[in-house]
């Protein structure tokens, strides 16, 4: 998958939801680059903003997009851990 394909996947993921991709294109590009690099290095599309512990079980929790609505940062700040997804209207 390349950068634009991943962006389109995430854009489709946000359709008809109460969240969207962050309008800060440079932040989104940085996260995409990190996710694709992690996929190349580790075989999983891991969030580049969170530290992996090297065990597959724990690393699976870091696959992007993660279950960000369960995180306190979503409730407190209206965004996922790394800011890739933000609440609409925020």
N, C-alpha and C. Protein backbone atom coordinates (compact mmCIF):
# COMPACT_ATOMS: atom_id res chain seq x y z
N UNK A 1 0.86 -1.17 0.00
CA UNK A 1 0.00 0.00 0.00
C UNK A 1 0.90 1.23 0.00
N UNK A 2 0.51 2.23 -0.75
CA UNK A 2 1.29 3.46 -0.75
C UNK A 2 0.57 4.55 0.06
N UNK A 3 1.20 5.69 0.14
CA UNK A 3 0.71 6.79 0.98
C UNK A 3 -0.71 7.24 0.61
N UNK A 4 -0.95 7.44 -0.67
CA UNK A 4 -2.27 7.92 -1.10
C UNK A 4 -3.35 6.86 -0.92
N UNK A 5 -3.00 5.60 -1.12
CA UNK A 5 -3.96 4.52 -0.90
C UNK A 5 -4.37 4.46 0.57
N UNK A 6 -3.39 4.59 1.46
CA UNK A 6 -3.71 4.56 2.89
C UNK A 6 -4.55 5.76 3.29
N UNK A 7 -4.23 6.93 2.75
CA UNK A 7 -5.05 8.12 3.03
C UNK A 7 -6.50 7.87 2.60
N UNK A 8 -6.70 7.30 1.42
CA UNK A 8 -8.06 7.03 0.93
C UNK A 8 -8.78 6.01 1.82
N UNK A 9 -8.05 4.99 2.28
CA UNK A 9 -8.65 4.00 3.19
C UNK A 9 -9.12 4.70 4.46
N UNK A 10 -8.29 5.54 5.03
CA UNK A 10 -8.67 6.24 6.25
C UNK A 10 -9.80 7.23 6.00
N UNK A 11 -9.81 7.89 4.85
CA UNK A 11 -10.92 8.80 4.53
C UNK A 11 -12.23 8.04 4.45
N UNK A 12 -12.20 6.85 3.82
CA UNK A 12 -13.42 6.03 3.75
C UNK A 12 -13.83 5.56 5.15
N UNK A 13 -12.84 5.24 5.98
CA UNK A 13 -13.10 4.80 7.35
C UNK A 13 -13.86 5.87 8.14
N UNK A 14 -13.59 7.13 7.84
CA UNK A 14 -14.22 8.21 8.61
C UNK A 14 -15.60 8.62 8.08
N UNK A 15 -15.93 8.18 6.87
CA UNK A 15 -17.23 8.55 6.29
C UNK A 15 -18.36 8.11 7.21
N UNK A 16 -19.33 8.98 7.37
CA UNK A 16 -20.55 8.69 8.14
C UNK A 16 -20.25 8.36 9.61
N UNK A 17 -19.16 8.89 10.12
CA UNK A 17 -18.82 8.72 11.53
C UNK A 17 -18.73 10.10 12.18
N UNK A 18 -18.61 10.10 13.49
CA UNK A 18 -18.52 11.36 14.22
C UNK A 18 -17.07 11.83 14.33
N UNK A 19 -16.18 11.26 13.54
CA UNK A 19 -14.78 11.67 13.52
C UNK A 19 -14.31 11.79 12.08
N UNK A 20 -13.18 12.47 11.90
CA UNK A 20 -12.61 12.68 10.57
C UNK A 20 -11.09 12.68 10.69
N UNK A 21 -10.43 12.64 9.53
CA UNK A 21 -8.99 12.80 9.54
C UNK A 21 -8.66 14.22 10.00
N UNK A 22 -7.59 14.35 10.71
CA UNK A 22 -7.14 15.67 11.16
C UNK A 22 -6.94 16.55 9.93
N UNK A 23 -7.43 17.78 9.95
CA UNK A 23 -7.25 18.66 8.79
C UNK A 23 -5.79 19.11 8.59
N UNK A 24 -4.93 18.84 9.56
CA UNK A 24 -3.51 19.18 9.45
C UNK A 24 -2.83 18.13 8.57
N UNK A 25 -2.70 18.44 7.28
CA UNK A 25 -2.16 17.49 6.30
C UNK A 25 -0.75 17.03 6.67
N UNK A 26 0.07 17.91 7.21
CA UNK A 26 1.44 17.51 7.55
C UNK A 26 1.44 16.48 8.69
N UNK A 27 0.54 16.61 9.64
CA UNK A 27 0.44 15.62 10.72
C UNK A 27 -0.02 14.28 10.15
N UNK A 28 -1.03 14.31 9.29
CA UNK A 28 -1.54 13.07 8.68
C UNK A 28 -0.43 12.40 7.87
N UNK A 29 0.31 13.19 7.09
CA UNK A 29 1.42 12.64 6.30
C UNK A 29 2.48 12.01 7.20
N UNK A 30 2.78 12.63 8.32
CA UNK A 30 3.78 12.10 9.25
C UNK A 30 3.31 10.74 9.80
N UNK A 31 2.04 10.65 10.17
CA UNK A 31 1.52 9.39 10.70
C UNK A 31 1.50 8.32 9.62
N UNK A 32 1.08 8.69 8.42
CA UNK A 32 1.08 7.72 7.31
C UNK A 32 2.49 7.18 7.08
N UNK A 33 3.47 8.07 7.03
CA UNK A 33 4.86 7.64 6.82
C UNK A 33 5.29 6.67 7.92
N UNK A 34 4.93 6.98 9.17
CA UNK A 34 5.31 6.12 10.28
C UNK A 34 4.62 4.77 10.24
N UNK A 35 3.34 4.76 9.90
CA UNK A 35 2.59 3.50 9.82
C UNK A 35 3.17 2.62 8.71
N UNK A 36 3.46 3.22 7.56
CA UNK A 36 4.01 2.44 6.45
C UNK A 36 5.41 1.93 6.78
N UNK A 37 6.19 2.72 7.49
CA UNK A 37 7.53 2.28 7.91
C UNK A 37 7.42 1.11 8.89
N UNK A 38 6.48 1.21 9.83
CA UNK A 38 6.27 0.10 10.77
C UNK A 38 5.81 -1.16 10.06
N UNK A 39 4.98 -0.99 9.04
CA UNK A 39 4.55 -2.17 8.28
C UNK A 39 5.75 -2.83 7.60
N UNK A 40 6.62 -2.01 7.06
CA UNK A 40 7.82 -2.54 6.39
C UNK A 40 8.74 -3.24 7.39
N UNK A 41 8.94 -2.63 8.55
CA UNK A 41 9.87 -3.17 9.56
C UNK A 41 9.30 -4.34 10.34
N UNK A 42 8.02 -4.25 10.71
CA UNK A 42 7.45 -5.21 11.65
C UNK A 42 6.31 -6.06 11.09
N UNK A 43 5.89 -5.77 9.86
CA UNK A 43 4.83 -6.55 9.24
C UNK A 43 3.43 -6.19 9.71
N UNK A 44 3.32 -5.13 10.51
CA UNK A 44 2.02 -4.67 11.02
C UNK A 44 1.94 -3.16 10.85
N UNK A 45 0.74 -2.68 10.57
CA UNK A 45 0.54 -1.24 10.42
C UNK A 45 0.33 -0.63 11.81
N UNK A 46 1.44 -0.47 12.52
CA UNK A 46 1.40 0.00 13.90
C UNK A 46 1.44 1.52 13.98
N UNK A 47 0.77 2.05 14.98
CA UNK A 47 0.81 3.48 15.24
C UNK A 47 2.26 3.87 15.52
N UNK A 48 2.77 4.89 14.84
CA UNK A 48 4.15 5.31 15.06
C UNK A 48 4.32 6.15 16.31
N UNK A 49 3.24 6.53 16.94
CA UNK A 49 3.30 7.44 18.08
C UNK A 49 3.29 6.71 19.42
N UNK A 50 3.19 5.40 19.37
CA UNK A 50 3.14 4.62 20.61
C UNK A 50 4.24 3.57 20.57
N UNK A 51 4.78 3.27 21.73
CA UNK A 51 5.90 2.33 21.81
C UNK A 51 5.39 0.90 21.84
N UNK A 52 5.99 0.09 21.00
CA UNK A 52 5.65 -1.32 20.99
C UNK A 52 6.54 -2.03 21.99
N UNK A 53 6.07 -3.17 22.49
CA UNK A 53 6.90 -3.92 23.45
C UNK A 53 7.52 -5.15 22.80
N UNK A 54 7.18 -5.39 21.53
CA UNK A 54 7.81 -6.49 20.81
C UNK A 54 7.06 -7.80 20.86
N UNK A 55 6.03 -7.89 21.70
CA UNK A 55 5.23 -9.11 21.71
C UNK A 55 4.04 -8.91 20.78
N UNK A 56 3.75 -9.91 20.00
CA UNK A 56 2.68 -9.79 19.00
C UNK A 56 1.34 -9.43 19.66
N UNK A 57 1.05 -10.05 20.79
CA UNK A 57 -0.22 -9.79 21.48
C UNK A 57 -0.38 -8.31 21.82
N UNK A 58 0.64 -7.70 22.40
CA UNK A 58 0.58 -6.28 22.77
C UNK A 58 0.65 -5.38 21.54
N UNK A 59 1.49 -5.78 20.58
CA UNK A 59 1.62 -4.97 19.37
C UNK A 59 0.32 -4.89 18.59
N UNK A 60 -0.49 -5.94 18.63
CA UNK A 60 -1.77 -5.92 17.92
C UNK A 60 -2.69 -4.81 18.44
N UNK A 61 -2.50 -4.39 19.68
CA UNK A 61 -3.29 -3.30 20.25
C UNK A 61 -2.91 -1.95 19.63
N UNK A 62 -1.77 -1.90 18.95
CA UNK A 62 -1.27 -0.65 18.38
C UNK A 62 -1.53 -0.52 16.89
N UNK A 63 -2.26 -1.47 16.31
CA UNK A 63 -2.55 -1.39 14.88
C UNK A 63 -3.40 -0.15 14.63
N UNK A 64 -3.03 0.59 13.62
CA UNK A 64 -3.72 1.83 13.28
C UNK A 64 -4.76 1.54 12.21
N UNK A 65 -5.99 1.97 12.38
CA UNK A 65 -6.47 2.74 13.53
C UNK A 65 -6.76 1.83 14.72
N UNK A 66 -6.37 2.33 15.87
CA UNK A 66 -6.60 1.59 17.11
C UNK A 66 -8.04 1.83 17.58
N UNK A 67 -8.39 1.28 18.70
CA UNK A 67 -9.71 1.49 19.28
C UNK A 67 -9.69 2.81 20.06
N UNK A 68 -9.53 3.89 19.31
CA UNK A 68 -9.27 5.20 19.94
C UNK A 68 -10.44 5.74 20.74
N UNK A 69 -11.65 5.32 20.45
CA UNK A 69 -12.78 5.84 21.21
C UNK A 69 -12.80 5.32 22.65
N UNK A 70 -12.03 4.29 22.92
CA UNK A 70 -11.94 3.76 24.28
C UNK A 70 -10.87 4.47 25.10
N UNK A 71 -10.08 5.32 24.46
CA UNK A 71 -8.98 6.00 25.15
C UNK A 71 -9.47 7.26 25.85
N UNK A 72 -8.85 7.58 26.96
CA UNK A 72 -9.24 8.78 27.70
C UNK A 72 -8.94 10.05 26.90
N UNK A 73 -7.92 10.03 26.07
CA UNK A 73 -7.58 11.22 25.28
C UNK A 73 -8.72 11.55 24.31
N UNK A 74 -9.45 10.54 23.83
CA UNK A 74 -10.61 10.78 22.96
C UNK A 74 -11.69 11.52 23.75
N UNK A 75 -11.95 11.06 24.95
CA UNK A 75 -12.98 11.69 25.77
C UNK A 75 -12.56 13.09 26.23
N UNK A 76 -11.28 13.26 26.57
CA UNK A 76 -10.79 14.52 27.11
C UNK A 76 -10.46 15.56 26.05
N UNK A 77 -9.91 15.11 24.90
CA UNK A 77 -9.41 16.07 23.92
C UNK A 77 -10.07 15.95 22.54
N UNK A 78 -10.91 14.94 22.35
CA UNK A 78 -11.61 14.81 21.08
C UNK A 78 -10.72 14.37 19.93
N UNK A 79 -9.71 13.59 20.24
CA UNK A 79 -8.82 13.07 19.21
C UNK A 79 -8.28 11.72 19.64
N UNK A 80 -7.72 11.00 18.67
CA UNK A 80 -7.08 9.73 19.02
C UNK A 80 -5.70 10.05 19.62
N UNK A 81 -5.02 9.01 20.03
CA UNK A 81 -3.72 9.15 20.71
C UNK A 81 -2.78 10.07 19.95
N UNK A 82 -2.61 9.85 18.65
CA UNK A 82 -1.62 10.62 17.88
C UNK A 82 -2.23 11.83 17.19
N UNK A 83 -3.54 11.98 17.24
CA UNK A 83 -4.18 13.13 16.60
C UNK A 83 -4.58 12.88 15.15
N UNK A 84 -4.43 11.66 14.66
CA UNK A 84 -4.79 11.35 13.29
C UNK A 84 -6.29 11.54 13.06
N UNK A 85 -7.08 11.08 14.01
CA UNK A 85 -8.53 11.22 13.92
C UNK A 85 -9.01 12.21 14.98
N UNK A 86 -9.91 13.08 14.58
CA UNK A 86 -10.46 14.09 15.49
C UNK A 86 -11.98 14.08 15.38
N UNK A 87 -12.62 14.48 16.46
CA UNK A 87 -14.07 14.58 16.43
C UNK A 87 -14.49 15.64 15.42
N UNK A 88 -15.54 15.36 14.71
CA UNK A 88 -16.09 16.37 13.78
C UNK A 88 -16.59 17.55 14.60
N UNK A 89 -16.33 18.73 14.09
CA UNK A 89 -16.80 19.94 14.75
C UNK A 89 -15.89 20.41 15.86
N UNK A 90 -14.77 19.74 16.09
CA UNK A 90 -13.84 20.15 17.15
C UNK A 90 -12.87 21.18 16.61
